[in-house]
């Protein structure tokens, strides 16, 4: 046929020009994209997640120090924030915020209230039990014991801290994550990662 249509095999068929062979274009594109995603994922895990979690922990830490009933003393000084390396991993970060139980073993009594059995004379607590392991009403047998135990009401600071600061902590975490993510995307952290 003169016009190039129809007819025999392959005659008259229009050929498409291939500018980029599939194997060349896909191999280069996929390897760069997967490498870029892997680097971005690593940067988010190492830089963004931990920074955001720390920002939230700082909010809780400052709020708890404001709410401790006494602004000086062992309980105030025992408030800490600490990153738990053992429980943290690439997908989850743990920060602990609260009183150090070794420095302030009375934290529980202040938070929940307690019975007072001994006297305070000239700023010093008197011993009320001859046997420290004894329990019950008859255990307080020394001269430092009160005649009648007195209930000391709770002055909670841990529970109100969470209620007051949870919204602020989430906002601080989002803001810090946004800052660090922008740093990662702009390439400023690429030197730190490599």
Protein backbone atom coordinates (compact mmCIF):
# COMPACT_ATOMS: atom_id res chain seq x y z
CA UNK A 1 0.00 0.00 0.00
CA UNK A 2 1.26 3.33 -0.93
CA UNK A 3 -0.01 5.25 2.05
CA UNK A 4 1.72 2.98 4.56
CA UNK A 5 -1.45 1.76 6.25
CA UNK A 6 -2.59 -1.76 6.71
CA UNK A 7 -0.98 -4.45 4.71
CA UNK A 8 1.67 -6.84 5.85
CA UNK A 9 3.52 -7.49 9.02
CA UNK A 10 5.21 -4.52 10.49
CA UNK A 11 4.75 -2.50 7.43
CA UNK A 12 3.20 0.83 8.04
CA UNK A 13 3.28 0.61 11.84
CA UNK A 14 4.50 3.74 13.47
CA UNK A 15 7.43 3.32 15.78
CA UNK A 16 7.65 5.23 19.06
CA UNK A 17 10.93 6.79 19.88
CA UNK A 18 12.24 5.74 23.31
CA UNK A 19 14.20 8.57 24.85
CA UNK A 20 15.18 6.79 28.06
CA UNK A 21 15.34 3.03 28.21
CA UNK A 22 13.30 1.63 31.12
CA UNK A 23 16.16 -0.17 32.76
CA UNK A 24 18.41 2.88 32.83
CA UNK A 25 15.82 5.35 34.10
CA UNK A 26 14.27 3.09 36.72
CA UNK A 27 17.56 1.84 38.15
CA UNK A 28 18.96 5.31 38.72
CA UNK A 29 15.69 6.72 40.03
CA UNK A 30 14.91 3.85 42.39
CA UNK A 31 18.36 3.63 43.92
CA UNK A 32 18.53 7.36 44.61
CA UNK A 33 15.00 7.47 45.96
CA UNK A 34 15.44 4.48 48.27
CA UNK A 35 18.77 5.84 49.52
CA UNK A 36 17.19 9.23 50.14
CA UNK A 37 14.29 7.68 52.03
CA UNK A 38 16.64 5.58 54.12
CA UNK A 39 18.70 8.65 55.03
CA UNK A 40 15.57 10.66 55.82
CA UNK A 41 14.20 7.85 57.99
CA UNK A 42 17.48 7.59 59.89
CA UNK A 43 17.67 11.37 60.37
CA UNK A 44 14.09 11.51 61.66
CA UNK A 45 14.75 8.69 64.12
CA UNK A 46 18.07 10.04 65.37
CA UNK A 47 17.47 13.77 65.36
CA UNK A 48 13.77 14.60 65.23
CA UNK A 49 12.16 12.01 67.50
CA UNK A 50 14.57 12.33 70.42
CA UNK A 51 14.63 16.15 70.24
CA UNK A 52 10.84 16.32 70.24
CA UNK A 53 10.56 13.93 73.17
CA UNK A 54 13.15 15.91 75.12
CA UNK A 55 11.19 19.13 74.55
CA UNK A 56 8.11 17.50 76.11
CA UNK A 57 10.15 16.18 79.04
CA UNK A 58 11.53 19.66 79.75
CA UNK A 59 7.98 21.05 79.96
CA UNK A 60 6.98 18.38 82.50
CA UNK A 61 10.23 18.88 84.44
CA UNK A 62 9.77 22.65 84.79
CA UNK A 63 6.09 22.30 85.71
CA UNK A 64 6.82 19.68 88.37
CA UNK A 65 9.51 21.85 89.95
CA UNK A 66 6.95 24.66 90.16
CA UNK A 67 4.38 22.41 91.82
CA UNK A 68 6.57 20.73 94.46
CA UNK A 69 5.17 21.98 97.81
CA UNK A 70 8.53 23.22 99.09
CA UNK A 71 10.82 25.21 96.80
CA UNK A 72 13.93 24.22 98.77
CA UNK A 73 14.91 20.89 100.20
CA UNK A 74 15.50 17.32 99.20
CA UNK A 75 12.21 16.78 97.38
CA UNK A 76 12.68 19.84 95.15
CA UNK A 77 16.31 18.91 94.47
CA UNK A 78 15.36 15.32 93.63
CA UNK A 79 13.17 16.21 90.64
CA UNK A 80 14.97 15.00 87.51
CA UNK A 81 14.58 14.19 83.82
CA UNK A 82 16.52 11.32 82.29
CA UNK A 83 16.67 9.60 78.90
CA UNK A 84 16.20 5.83 79.22
CA UNK A 85 18.60 4.32 76.69
CA UNK A 86 17.54 0.74 77.46
CA UNK A 87 13.86 1.19 76.63
CA UNK A 88 14.39 3.69 73.81
CA UNK A 89 14.83 2.53 70.24
CA UNK A 90 14.55 3.97 66.75
CA UNK A 91 10.76 4.16 66.87
CA UNK A 92 10.25 5.15 70.50
CA UNK A 93 12.06 7.44 72.94
CA UNK A 94 11.62 7.38 76.73
CA UNK A 95 12.33 10.23 79.13
CA UNK A 96 11.62 9.80 82.82
CA UNK A 97 10.55 12.85 84.82
CA UNK A 98 9.86 12.76 88.55
CA UNK A 99 11.37 12.58 92.01
CA UNK A 100 14.50 10.52 92.59
CA UNK A 101 13.32 7.95 95.13
CA UNK A 102 16.81 7.44 96.55
CA UNK A 103 17.30 11.16 97.25
CA UNK A 104 13.75 11.78 98.50
CA UNK A 105 12.18 8.55 99.80
CA UNK A 106 9.32 10.58 101.29
CA UNK A 107 8.00 11.62 97.84
CA UNK A 108 5.09 9.18 98.17
CA UNK A 109 4.01 10.59 101.54
CA UNK A 110 3.84 14.12 100.14
CA UNK A 111 1.98 13.07 96.99
CA UNK A 112 -0.63 10.85 98.67
CA UNK A 113 -0.68 11.87 102.34
CA UNK A 114 0.38 9.79 105.37
CA UNK A 115 -0.04 9.15 109.06
CA UNK A 116 2.40 10.99 111.32
CA UNK A 117 3.50 8.97 114.36
CA UNK A 118 6.53 10.84 115.68
CA UNK A 119 7.24 14.26 117.19
CA UNK A 120 9.33 17.06 115.74
CA UNK A 121 11.37 18.73 118.49
CA UNK A 122 13.56 21.72 117.57
CA UNK A 123 13.43 20.84 113.86
CA UNK A 124 14.47 17.21 114.37
CA UNK A 125 12.20 14.21 114.00
CA UNK A 126 12.27 11.92 117.01
CA UNK A 127 12.37 8.15 116.82
CA UNK A 128 9.07 6.56 117.69
CA UNK A 129 9.83 2.83 117.24
CA UNK A 130 12.39 0.69 118.98
CA UNK A 131 12.10 -1.92 116.21
CA UNK A 132 12.14 -0.29 112.73
CA UNK A 133 10.50 -3.38 111.18
CA UNK A 134 7.60 -3.48 113.65
CA UNK A 135 4.11 -2.72 112.34
CA UNK A 136 0.81 -1.83 113.92
CA UNK A 137 -0.38 0.53 116.66
CA UNK A 138 1.88 -0.93 119.35
CA UNK A 139 5.02 -0.48 117.26
CA UNK A 140 5.46 3.16 118.30
CA UNK A 141 6.73 2.60 121.82
CA UNK A 142 9.42 5.27 122.31
CA UNK A 143 9.14 8.72 123.87
CA UNK A 144 9.28 10.34 120.40
CA UNK A 145 5.86 8.92 119.47
CA UNK A 146 2.78 11.11 119.35
CA UNK A 147 0.01 10.11 121.78
CA UNK A 148 -2.44 9.91 118.87
CA UNK A 149 -1.32 9.53 115.24
CA UNK A 150 -2.12 12.52 113.04
CA UNK A 151 -3.17 12.37 109.37
CA UNK A 152 -1.07 14.64 107.16
CA UNK A 153 -3.08 15.49 104.03
CA UNK A 154 -1.67 15.01 100.57
CA UNK A 155 0.00 17.84 98.69
CA UNK A 156 -0.04 16.32 95.22
CA UNK A 157 2.42 17.64 92.68
CA UNK A 158 2.89 14.74 90.22
CA UNK A 159 -0.73 14.25 89.18
CA UNK A 160 -1.50 17.98 88.79
CA UNK A 161 1.72 18.42 86.80
CA UNK A 162 0.52 15.96 84.18
CA UNK A 163 -2.96 17.53 84.01
CA UNK A 164 -1.56 21.05 83.68
CA UNK A 165 1.35 20.37 81.33
CA UNK A 166 0.17 17.69 78.91
CA UNK A 167 -1.16 20.21 76.37
CA UNK A 168 1.92 22.40 76.63
CA UNK A 169 4.20 19.37 76.31
CA UNK A 170 2.48 18.18 73.15
CA UNK A 171 2.68 21.67 71.64
CA UNK A 172 6.39 21.89 72.54
CA UNK A 173 7.03 18.47 71.02
CA UNK A 174 5.27 19.40 67.78
CA UNK A 175 7.15 22.69 67.53
CA UNK A 176 10.53 21.06 68.17
CA UNK A 177 9.80 18.23 65.74
CA UNK A 178 8.89 20.81 63.09
CA UNK A 179 12.13 22.70 63.66
CA UNK A 180 14.30 19.60 63.51
CA UNK A 181 12.44 18.18 60.51
CA UNK A 182 12.98 21.45 58.65
CA UNK A 183 16.68 21.20 59.52
CA UNK A 184 16.81 17.66 58.17
CA UNK A 185 15.05 18.61 54.95
CA UNK A 186 17.21 21.65 54.38
CA UNK A 187 20.31 19.50 54.62
CA UNK A 188 21.85 21.22 57.63
CA UNK A 189 21.97 17.94 59.51
CA UNK A 190 23.44 15.92 56.68
CA UNK A 191 26.96 16.68 57.89
CA UNK A 192 26.12 15.47 61.41
CA UNK A 193 24.63 12.20 60.13
CA UNK A 194 27.49 11.29 57.79
